[in-house]
PDB file of all heavy atoms in Angstrom:
ATOM      1  N   LEU A   1      -0.427  -8.447 -12.366  1.00  0.00           N
ATOM      2  CA  LEU A   1       0.087  -8.228 -11.115  1.00  0.00           C
ATOM      3  C   LEU A   1       0.683  -6.723 -11.081  1.00  0.00           C
ATOM      4  O   LEU A   1       0.548  -5.956 -10.082  1.00  0.00           O
ATOM      5  CB  LEU A   1       1.170  -9.192 -10.670  1.00  0.00           C
ATOM      6  CG  LEU A   1       0.742 -10.561 -10.310  1.00  0.00           C
ATOM      7  CD1 LEU A   1       1.807 -11.501 -10.125  1.00  0.00           C
ATOM      8  CD2 LEU A   1      -0.315 -10.574  -9.171  1.00  0.00           C
ATOM      9  N   TYR A   2       1.466  -6.485 -12.134  1.00  0.00           N
ATOM     10  CA  TYR A   2       2.039  -5.070 -12.276  1.00  0.00           C
ATOM     11  C   TYR A   2       0.939  -4.045 -12.423  1.00  0.00           C
ATOM     12  O   TYR A   2       1.001  -2.989 -11.669  1.00  0.00           O
ATOM     13  CB  TYR A   2       2.885  -5.087 -13.514  1.00  0.00           C
ATOM     14  CG  TYR A   2       3.365  -3.606 -13.840  1.00  0.00           C
ATOM     15  CD1 TYR A   2       4.423  -3.109 -13.127  1.00  0.00           C
ATOM     16  CD2 TYR A   2       2.711  -2.804 -14.862  1.00  0.00           C
ATOM     17  CE1 TYR A   2       4.976  -1.799 -13.366  1.00  0.00           C
ATOM     18  CE2 TYR A   2       3.239  -1.524 -15.140  1.00  0.00           C
ATOM     19  CZ  TYR A   2       4.246  -1.076 -14.391  1.00  0.00           C
ATOM     20  OH  TYR A   2       4.685   0.198 -14.640  1.00  0.00           O
ATOM     21  N   LYS A   3      -0.158  -4.358 -13.017  1.00  0.00           N
ATOM     22  CA  LYS A   3      -1.306  -3.338 -13.304  1.00  0.00           C
ATOM     23  C   LYS A   3      -1.851  -3.167 -11.934  1.00  0.00           C
ATOM     24  O   LYS A   3      -2.329  -2.080 -11.508  1.00  0.00           O
ATOM     25  CB  LYS A   3      -2.161  -3.894 -14.295  1.00  0.00           C
ATOM     26  CG  LYS A   3      -3.308  -2.825 -14.565  1.00  0.00           C
ATOM     27  CD  LYS A   3      -4.012  -3.252 -15.936  1.00  0.00           C
ATOM     28  CE  LYS A   3      -4.894  -4.451 -15.757  1.00  0.00           C
ATOM     29  NZ  LYS A   3      -5.776  -4.794 -16.990  1.00  0.00           N
ATOM     30  N   GLN A   4      -2.160  -4.223 -11.189  1.00  0.00           N
ATOM     31  CA  GLN A   4      -2.838  -4.223  -9.927  1.00  0.00           C
ATOM     32  C   GLN A   4      -1.912  -3.339  -8.840  1.00  0.00           C
ATOM     33  O   GLN A   4      -2.530  -2.486  -8.050  1.00  0.00           O
ATOM     34  CB  GLN A   4      -3.056  -5.575  -9.292  1.00  0.00           C
ATOM     35  CG  GLN A   4      -4.151  -6.396  -9.901  1.00  0.00           C
ATOM     36  CD  GLN A   4      -4.289  -7.752  -9.438  1.00  0.00           C
ATOM     37  OE1 GLN A   4      -3.654  -8.163  -8.420  1.00  0.00           O
ATOM     38  NE2 GLN A   4      -5.039  -8.579 -10.254  1.00  0.00           N
ATOM     39  N   ALA A   5      -0.621  -3.621  -9.040  1.00  0.00           N
ATOM     40  CA  ALA A   5       0.266  -2.797  -8.111  1.00  0.00           C
ATOM     41  C   ALA A   5       0.226  -1.264  -8.361  1.00  0.00           C
ATOM     42  O   ALA A   5       0.322  -0.494  -7.511  1.00  0.00           O
ATOM     43  CB  ALA A   5       1.627  -3.429  -8.308  1.00  0.00           C
ATOM     44  N   GLN A   6       0.078  -0.962  -9.691  1.00  0.00           N
ATOM     45  CA  GLN A   6       0.042   0.424 -10.040  1.00  0.00           C
ATOM     46  C   GLN A   6      -1.294   1.005  -9.571  1.00  0.00           C
ATOM     47  O   GLN A   6      -1.319   2.159  -9.159  1.00  0.00           O
ATOM     48  CB  GLN A   6       0.097   0.532 -11.636  1.00  0.00           C
ATOM     49  CG  GLN A   6       1.533   0.240 -12.150  1.00  0.00           C
ATOM     50  CD  GLN A   6       2.531   1.197 -11.634  1.00  0.00           C
ATOM     51  OE1 GLN A   6       2.362   2.554 -11.750  1.00  0.00           O
ATOM     52  NE2 GLN A   6       3.618   0.933 -11.095  1.00  0.00           N
ATOM     53  N   ILE A   7      -2.366   0.294  -9.642  1.00  0.00           N
ATOM     54  CA  ILE A   7      -3.616   0.854  -9.257  1.00  0.00           C
ATOM     55  C   ILE A   7      -3.539   1.053  -7.695  1.00  0.00           C
ATOM     56  O   ILE A   7      -3.993   2.074  -7.200  1.00  0.00           O
ATOM     57  CB  ILE A   7      -4.809  -0.177  -9.459  1.00  0.00           C
ATOM     58  CG1 ILE A   7      -4.960  -0.318 -11.034  1.00  0.00           C
ATOM     59  CG2 ILE A   7      -6.065   0.146  -8.780  1.00  0.00           C
ATOM     60  CD1 ILE A   7      -5.979  -1.387 -11.499  1.00  0.00           C
ATOM     61  N   ILE A   8      -3.027   0.083  -7.049  1.00  0.00           N
ATOM     62  CA  ILE A   8      -2.960   0.237  -5.482  1.00  0.00           C
ATOM     63  C   ILE A   8      -2.155   1.400  -5.125  1.00  0.00           C
ATOM     64  O   ILE A   8      -2.341   2.281  -4.184  1.00  0.00           O
ATOM     65  CB  ILE A   8      -2.369  -1.049  -4.964  1.00  0.00           C
ATOM     66  CG1 ILE A   8      -3.346  -2.137  -4.947  1.00  0.00           C
ATOM     67  CG2 ILE A   8      -1.956  -0.822  -3.370  1.00  0.00           C
ATOM     68  CD1 ILE A   8      -2.845  -3.538  -4.616  1.00  0.00           C
ATOM     69  N   GLU A   9      -1.071   1.670  -5.885  1.00  0.00           N
ATOM     70  CA  GLU A   9      -0.088   2.662  -5.637  1.00  0.00           C
ATOM     71  C   GLU A   9      -0.800   4.128  -5.873  1.00  0.00           C
ATOM     72  O   GLU A   9      -0.360   5.053  -5.174  1.00  0.00           O
ATOM     73  CB  GLU A   9       1.156   2.591  -6.649  1.00  0.00           C
ATOM     74  CG  GLU A   9       2.268   3.680  -6.346  1.00  0.00           C
ATOM     75  CD  GLU A   9       2.768   3.492  -4.940  1.00  0.00           C
ATOM     76  OE1 GLU A   9       2.764   2.323  -4.336  1.00  0.00           O
ATOM     77  OE2 GLU A   9       3.219   4.395  -4.499  1.00  0.00           O
ATOM     78  N   GLN A  10      -1.652   4.155  -6.880  1.00  0.00           N
ATOM     79  CA  GLN A  10      -2.367   5.435  -7.181  1.00  0.00           C
ATOM     80  C   GLN A  10      -3.585   5.756  -6.302  1.00  0.00           C
ATOM     81  O   GLN A  10      -4.154   6.876  -6.353  1.00  0.00           O
ATOM     82  CB  GLN A  10      -2.610   5.451  -8.655  1.00  0.00           C
ATOM     83  CG  GLN A  10      -1.450   5.404  -9.461  1.00  0.00           C
ATOM     84  CD  GLN A  10      -0.390   6.452  -9.173  1.00  0.00           C
ATOM     85  OE1 GLN A  10      -0.640   7.626  -8.926  1.00  0.00           O
ATOM     86  NE2 GLN A  10       0.890   6.073  -9.141  1.00  0.00           N
ATOM     87  N   ILE A  11      -4.202   4.722  -5.528  1.00  0.00           N
ATOM     88  CA  ILE A  11      -5.299   4.941  -4.780  1.00  0.00           C
ATOM     89  C   ILE A  11      -5.018   6.052  -3.720  1.00  0.00           C
ATOM     90  O   ILE A  11      -3.906   5.901  -3.040  1.00  0.00           O
ATOM     91  CB  ILE A  11      -5.927   3.629  -4.184  1.00  0.00           C
ATOM     92  CG1 ILE A  11      -6.374   2.837  -5.329  1.00  0.00           C
ATOM     93  CG2 ILE A  11      -6.849   3.851  -3.195  1.00  0.00           C
ATOM     94  CD1 ILE A  11      -6.833   1.423  -4.914  1.00  0.00           C
ATOM     95  N   HIS A  12      -5.971   6.893  -3.428  1.00  0.00           N
ATOM     96  CA  HIS A  12      -5.765   7.940  -2.533  1.00  0.00           C
ATOM     97  C   HIS A  12      -5.848   7.460  -1.107  1.00  0.00           C
ATOM     98  O   HIS A  12      -5.358   8.032  -0.165  1.00  0.00           O
ATOM     99  CB  HIS A  12      -6.740   9.115  -2.720  1.00  0.00           C
ATOM    100  CG  HIS A  12      -6.467   9.855  -3.985  1.00  0.00           C
ATOM    101  ND1 HIS A  12      -5.388  10.647  -4.242  1.00  0.00           N
ATOM    102  CD2 HIS A  12      -7.267  10.005  -5.111  1.00  0.00           C
ATOM    103  CE1 HIS A  12      -5.360  11.166  -5.433  1.00  0.00           C
ATOM    104  NE2 HIS A  12      -6.674  10.787  -5.997  1.00  0.00           N
ATOM    105  N   ASP A  13      -6.615   6.442  -0.843  1.00  0.00           N
ATOM    106  CA  ASP A  13      -6.640   5.826   0.497  1.00  0.00           C
ATOM    107  C   ASP A  13      -5.382   5.159   0.851  1.00  0.00           C
ATOM    108  O   ASP A  13      -4.601   4.810  -0.005  1.00  0.00           O
ATOM    109  CB  ASP A  13      -7.785   4.833   0.626  1.00  0.00           C
ATOM    110  CG  ASP A  13      -9.190   5.372   0.267  1.00  0.00           C
ATOM    111  OD1 ASP A  13      -9.350   6.602   0.505  1.00  0.00           O
ATOM    112  OD2 ASP A  13     -10.026   4.539  -0.045  1.00  0.00           O
ATOM    113  N   SER A  14      -5.112   5.052   2.213  1.00  0.00           N
ATOM    114  CA  SER A  14      -3.951   4.394   2.646  1.00  0.00           C
ATOM    115  C   SER A  14      -4.164   2.899   2.566  1.00  0.00           C
ATOM    116  O   SER A  14      -5.089   2.354   2.981  1.00  0.00           O
ATOM    117  CB  SER A  14      -3.692   4.791   4.106  1.00  0.00           C
ATOM    118  OG  SER A  14      -2.730   4.000   4.715  1.00  0.00           O
ATOM    119  N   ILE A  15      -3.110   2.197   1.837  1.00  0.00           N
ATOM    120  CA  ILE A  15      -3.190   0.785   1.810  1.00  0.00           C
ATOM    121  C   ILE A  15      -1.959   0.274   2.431  1.00  0.00           C
ATOM    122  O   ILE A  15      -0.785   0.461   1.873  1.00  0.00           O
ATOM    123  CB  ILE A  15      -3.425   0.119   0.469  1.00  0.00           C
ATOM    124  CG1 ILE A  15      -4.829   0.740  -0.162  1.00  0.00           C
ATOM    125  CG2 ILE A  15      -3.423  -1.376   0.484  1.00  0.00           C
ATOM    126  CD1 ILE A  15      -5.061   0.320  -1.503  1.00  0.00           C
ATOM    127  N   ILE A  16      -1.909  -0.551   3.501  1.00  0.00           N
ATOM    128  CA  ILE A  16      -0.871  -0.924   4.112  1.00  0.00           C
ATOM    129  C   ILE A  16      -0.815  -2.545   4.450  1.00  0.00           C
ATOM    130  O   ILE A  16      -2.000  -2.934   5.055  1.00  0.00           O
ATOM    131  CB  ILE A  16      -0.593  -0.294   5.520  1.00  0.00           C
ATOM    132  CG1 ILE A  16      -0.549   1.367   5.408  1.00  0.00           C
ATOM    133  CG2 ILE A  16       0.663  -0.703   6.200  1.00  0.00           C
ATOM    134  CD1 ILE A  16      -0.639   2.129   6.627  1.00  0.00           C
ATOM    135  N   SER A  17       0.167  -3.220   4.064  1.00  0.00           N
ATOM    136  CA  SER A  17       0.104  -4.620   4.434  1.00  0.00           C
ATOM    137  C   SER A  17       1.250  -4.961   5.353  1.00  0.00           C
ATOM    138  O   SER A  17       2.183  -4.373   5.489  1.00  0.00           O
ATOM    139  CB  SER A  17       0.340  -5.464   3.110  1.00  0.00           C
ATOM    140  OG  SER A  17       1.534  -5.312   2.704  1.00  0.00           O
ATOM    141  N   THR A  18       0.979  -5.814   6.253  1.00  0.00           N
ATOM    142  CA  THR A  18       1.931  -6.282   7.336  1.00  0.00           C
ATOM    143  C   THR A  18       2.033  -7.700   7.370  1.00  0.00           C
ATOM    144  O   THR A  18       1.262  -8.601   6.763  1.00  0.00           O
ATOM    145  CB  THR A  18       1.575  -5.769   8.721  1.00  0.00           C
ATOM    146  OG1 THR A  18       0.510  -6.520   9.247  1.00  0.00           O
ATOM    147  CG2 THR A  18       1.167  -4.309   8.709  1.00  0.00           C
ATOM    148  N   ASP A  19       3.130  -8.254   8.012  1.00  0.00           N
ATOM    149  CA  ASP A  19       3.200  -9.667   8.341  1.00  0.00           C
ATOM    150  C   ASP A  19       2.318 -10.017   9.511  1.00  0.00           C
ATOM    151  O   ASP A  19       1.709  -9.085  10.071  1.00  0.00           O
ATOM    152  CB  ASP A  19       4.592 -10.238   8.527  1.00  0.00           C
ATOM    153  CG  ASP A  19       5.287  -9.507   9.690  1.00  0.00           C
ATOM    154  OD1 ASP A  19       4.493  -8.968  10.579  1.00  0.00           O
ATOM    155  OD2 ASP A  19       6.544  -9.595   9.812  1.00  0.00           O
ATOM    156  N   LEU A  20       2.270 -11.249   9.885  1.00  0.00           N
ATOM    157  CA  LEU A  20       1.410 -11.580  11.051  1.00  0.00           C
ATOM    158  C   LEU A  20       1.773 -11.059  12.287  1.00  0.00           C
ATOM    159  O   LEU A  20       0.968 -11.060  13.190  1.00  0.00           O
ATOM    160  CB  LEU A  20       1.276 -13.090  11.182  1.00  0.00           C
ATOM    161  CG  LEU A  20       0.674 -13.917   9.977  1.00  0.00           C
ATOM    162  CD1 LEU A  20       0.829 -15.482  10.025  1.00  0.00           C
ATOM    163  CD2 LEU A  20      -0.823 -13.420   9.908  1.00  0.00           C
ATOM    164  N   HIS A  21       3.023 -10.530  12.438  1.00  0.00           N
ATOM    165  CA  HIS A  21       3.512  -9.926  13.640  1.00  0.00           C
ATOM    166  C   HIS A  21       3.229  -8.411  13.707  1.00  0.00           C
ATOM    167  O   HIS A  21       3.664  -7.729  14.663  1.00  0.00           O
ATOM    168  CB  HIS A  21       4.886 -10.289  13.888  1.00  0.00           C
ATOM    169  CG  HIS A  21       5.250 -11.712  13.983  1.00  0.00           C
ATOM    170  ND1 HIS A  21       4.681 -12.479  14.957  1.00  0.00           N
ATOM    171  CD2 HIS A  21       5.728 -12.589  12.965  1.00  0.00           C
ATOM    172  CE1 HIS A  21       5.004 -13.809  14.854  1.00  0.00           C
ATOM    173  NE2 HIS A  21       5.693 -13.885  13.740  1.00  0.00           N
ATOM    174  N   GLY A  22       2.773  -7.789  12.537  1.00  0.00           N
ATOM    175  CA  GLY A  22       2.440  -6.331  12.542  1.00  0.00           C
ATOM    176  C   GLY A  22       3.483  -5.462  11.877  1.00  0.00           C
ATOM    177  O   GLY A  22       3.572  -4.267  12.027  1.00  0.00           O
ATOM    178  N   TYR A  23       4.612  -6.124  11.228  1.00  0.00           N
ATOM    179  CA  TYR A  23       5.646  -5.241  10.734  1.00  0.00           C
ATOM    180  C   TYR A  23       5.266  -5.061   9.240  1.00  0.00           C
ATOM    181  O   TYR A  23       4.890  -5.864   8.490  1.00  0.00           O
ATOM    182  CB  TYR A  23       7.001  -6.141  10.767  1.00  0.00           C
ATOM    183  CG  TYR A  23       7.517  -6.186  12.126  1.00  0.00           C
ATOM    184  CD1 TYR A  23       7.225  -7.228  12.872  1.00  0.00           C
ATOM    185  CD2 TYR A  23       8.224  -5.185  12.669  1.00  0.00           C
ATOM    186  CE1 TYR A  23       7.717  -7.342  14.228  1.00  0.00           C
ATOM    187  CE2 TYR A  23       8.785  -5.228  13.972  1.00  0.00           C
ATOM    188  CZ  TYR A  23       8.539  -6.311  14.684  1.00  0.00           C
ATOM    189  OH  TYR A  23       8.895  -6.378  16.052  1.00  0.00           O
ATOM    190  N   ILE A  24       5.542  -3.814   8.924  1.00  0.00           N
ATOM    191  CA  ILE A  24       4.938  -3.167   7.610  1.00  0.00           C
ATOM    192  C   ILE A  24       5.726  -3.782   6.461  1.00  0.00           C
ATOM    193  O   ILE A  24       7.018  -3.791   6.369  1.00  0.00           O
ATOM    194  CB  ILE A  24       5.061  -1.720   7.652  1.00  0.00           C
ATOM    195  CG1 ILE A  24       4.286  -1.080   8.700  1.00  0.00           C
ATOM    196  CG2 ILE A  24       4.728  -1.103   6.288  1.00  0.00           C
ATOM    197  CD1 ILE A  24       4.356   0.432   8.862  1.00  0.00           C
ATOM    198  N   LEU A  25       4.944  -4.329   5.478  1.00  0.00           N
ATOM    199  CA  LEU A  25       5.529  -4.866   4.294  1.00  0.00           C
ATOM    200  C   LEU A  25       5.399  -3.982   2.982  1.00  0.00           C
ATOM    201  O   LEU A  25       6.410  -3.797   2.307  1.00  0.00           O
ATOM    202  CB  LEU A  25       4.994  -6.274   4.023  1.00  0.00           C
ATOM    203  CG  LEU A  25       5.049  -7.369   5.080  1.00  0.00           C
ATOM    204  CD1 LEU A  25       4.341  -8.614   4.575  1.00  0.00           C
ATOM    205  CD2 LEU A  25       6.418  -7.692   5.317  1.00  0.00           C
ATOM    206  N   THR A  26       4.321  -3.359   2.818  1.00  0.00           N
ATOM    207  CA  THR A  26       4.068  -2.403   1.788  1.00  0.00           C
ATOM    208  C   THR A  26       3.387  -1.249   2.140  1.00  0.00           C
ATOM    209  O   THR A  26       2.707  -1.152   3.124  1.00  0.00           O
ATOM    210  CB  THR A  26       3.231  -3.101   0.639  1.00  0.00           C
ATOM    211  OG1 THR A  26       1.771  -3.458   1.287  1.00  0.00           O
ATOM    212  CG2 THR A  26       3.805  -4.390   0.145  1.00  0.00           C
ATOM    213  N   TRP A  27       3.594  -0.108   1.391  1.00  0.00           N
ATOM    214  CA  TRP A  27       3.176   1.142   1.754  1.00  0.00           C
ATOM    215  C   TRP A  27       2.897   1.969   0.539  1.00  0.00           C
ATOM    216  O   TRP A  27       3.841   2.287  -0.312  1.00  0.00           O
ATOM    217  CB  TRP A  27       4.292   1.818   2.603  1.00  0.00           C
ATOM    218  CG  TRP A  27       4.049   3.216   3.140  1.00  0.00           C
ATOM    219  CD1 TRP A  27       4.361   4.447   2.435  1.00  0.00           C
ATOM    220  CD2 TRP A  27       3.566   3.543   4.300  1.00  0.00           C
ATOM    221  NE1 TRP A  27       3.991   5.507   3.373  1.00  0.00           N
ATOM    222  CE2 TRP A  27       3.572   5.037   4.406  1.00  0.00           C
ATOM    223  CE3 TRP A  27       2.926   2.879   5.388  1.00  0.00           C
ATOM    224  CZ2 TRP A  27       3.048   5.718   5.511  1.00  0.00           C
ATOM    225  CZ3 TRP A  27       2.556   3.529   6.509  1.00  0.00           C
ATOM    226  CH2 TRP A  27       2.649   4.959   6.587  1.00  0.00           C
ATOM    227  N   ASN A  28       1.585   2.337   0.259  1.00  0.00           N
ATOM    228  CA  ASN A  28       1.369   2.993  -1.101  1.00  0.00           C
ATOM    229  C   ASN A  28       1.387   4.475  -1.083  1.00  0.00           C
ATOM    230  O   ASN A  28       1.725   5.092   0.144  1.00  0.00           O
ATOM    231  CB  ASN A  28      -0.035   2.578  -1.625  1.00  0.00           C
ATOM    232  CG  ASN A  28      -1.116   3.278  -0.904  1.00  0.00           C
ATOM    233  OD1 ASN A  28      -1.041   3.469   0.262  1.00  0.00           O
ATOM    234  ND2 ASN A  28      -2.263   3.447  -1.510  1.00  0.00           N
ATOM    235  N   GLN A  29       1.299   5.116  -2.143  1.00  0.00           N
ATOM    236  CA  GLN A  29       1.344   6.575  -2.259  1.00  0.00           C
ATOM    237  C   GLN A  29       0.220   7.256  -1.352  1.00  0.00           C
ATOM    238  O   GLN A  29       0.500   8.301  -0.711  1.00  0.00           O
ATOM    239  CB  GLN A  29       1.199   7.064  -3.748  1.00  0.00           C
ATOM    240  CG  GLN A  29       1.372   8.588  -3.897  1.00  0.00           C
ATOM    241  CD  GLN A  29       2.736   9.056  -3.585  1.00  0.00           C
ATOM    242  OE1 GLN A  29       3.647   8.259  -3.563  1.00  0.00           O
ATOM    243  NE2 GLN A  29       2.948  10.356  -3.132  1.00  0.00           N
ATOM    244  N   GLY A  30      -0.896   6.662  -1.347  1.00  0.00           N
ATOM    245  CA  GLY A  30      -2.031   7.078  -0.519  1.00  0.00           C
ATOM    246  C   GLY A  30      -1.626   7.247   0.992  1.00  0.00           C
ATOM    247  O   GLY A  30      -1.979   8.192   1.719  1.00  0.00           O
ATOM    248  N   SER A  31      -0.870   6.245   1.486  1.00  0.00           N
ATOM    249  CA  SER A  31      -0.387   6.210   2.914  1.00  0.00           C
ATOM    250  C   SER A  31       0.604   7.310   3.089  1.00  0.00           C
ATOM    251  O   SER A  31       0.444   8.008   4.083  1.00  0.00           O
ATOM    252  CB  SER A  31       0.266   4.894   3.111  1.00  0.00           C
ATOM    253  OG  SER A  31      -0.462   3.914   2.981  1.00  0.00           O
ATOM    254  N   GLN A  32       1.498   7.641   2.039  1.00  0.00           N
ATOM    255  CA  GLN A  32       2.433   8.756   2.304  1.00  0.00           C
ATOM    256  C   GLN A  32       1.581  10.131   2.258  1.00  0.00           C
ATOM    257  O   GLN A  32       1.979  10.951   3.065  1.00  0.00           O
ATOM    258  CB  GLN A  32       3.438   8.635   1.045  1.00  0.00           C
ATOM    259  CG  GLN A  32       4.441   9.898   1.233  1.00  0.00           C
ATOM    260  CD  GLN A  32       5.581   9.673   0.034  1.00  0.00           C
ATOM    261  OE1 GLN A  32       5.875   8.590  -0.283  1.00  0.00           O
ATOM    262  NE2 GLN A  32       6.104  10.934  -0.342  1.00  0.00           N
ATOM    263  N   GLU A  33       0.721  10.100   1.389  1.00  0.00           N
ATOM    264  CA  GLU A  33      -0.036  11.625   1.271  1.00  0.00           C
ATOM    265  C   GLU A  33      -0.858  11.742   2.638  1.00  0.00           C
ATOM    266  O   GLU A  33      -0.946  12.992   3.126  1.00  0.00           O
ATOM    267  CB  GLU A  33      -0.996  11.451   0.171  1.00  0.00           C
ATOM    268  CG  GLU A  33      -0.351  11.613  -1.150  1.00  0.00           C
ATOM    269  CD  GLU A  33      -1.263  11.493  -2.394  1.00  0.00           C
ATOM    270  OE1 GLU A  33      -2.505  11.269  -2.108  1.00  0.00           O
ATOM    271  OE2 GLU A  33      -0.761  11.450  -3.583  1.00  0.00           O
ATOM    272  N   MET A  34      -1.319  10.633   3.209  1.00  0.00           N
ATOM    273  CA  MET A  34      -2.189  10.785   4.443  1.00  0.00           C
ATOM    274  C   MET A  34      -1.318  10.963   5.769  1.00  0.00           C
ATOM    275  O   MET A  34      -1.650  11.756   6.521  1.00  0.00           O
ATOM    276  CB  MET A  34      -3.140   9.585   4.584  1.00  0.00           C
ATOM    277  CG  MET A  34      -4.047   9.692   5.827  1.00  0.00           C
ATOM    278  SD  MET A  34      -4.901   8.039   6.098  1.00  0.00           S
ATOM    279  CE  MET A  34      -5.995   7.981   4.695  1.00  0.00           C
TER     280      MET A  34
END
């Protein structure tokens, strides 16, 4: 799980997860760069 989290964090694309109501739960480095 840690390794997967690190991979997601380093991906250049934006990866954003939300709850069912649309509130942001996670935000990777690619999201910050974009």
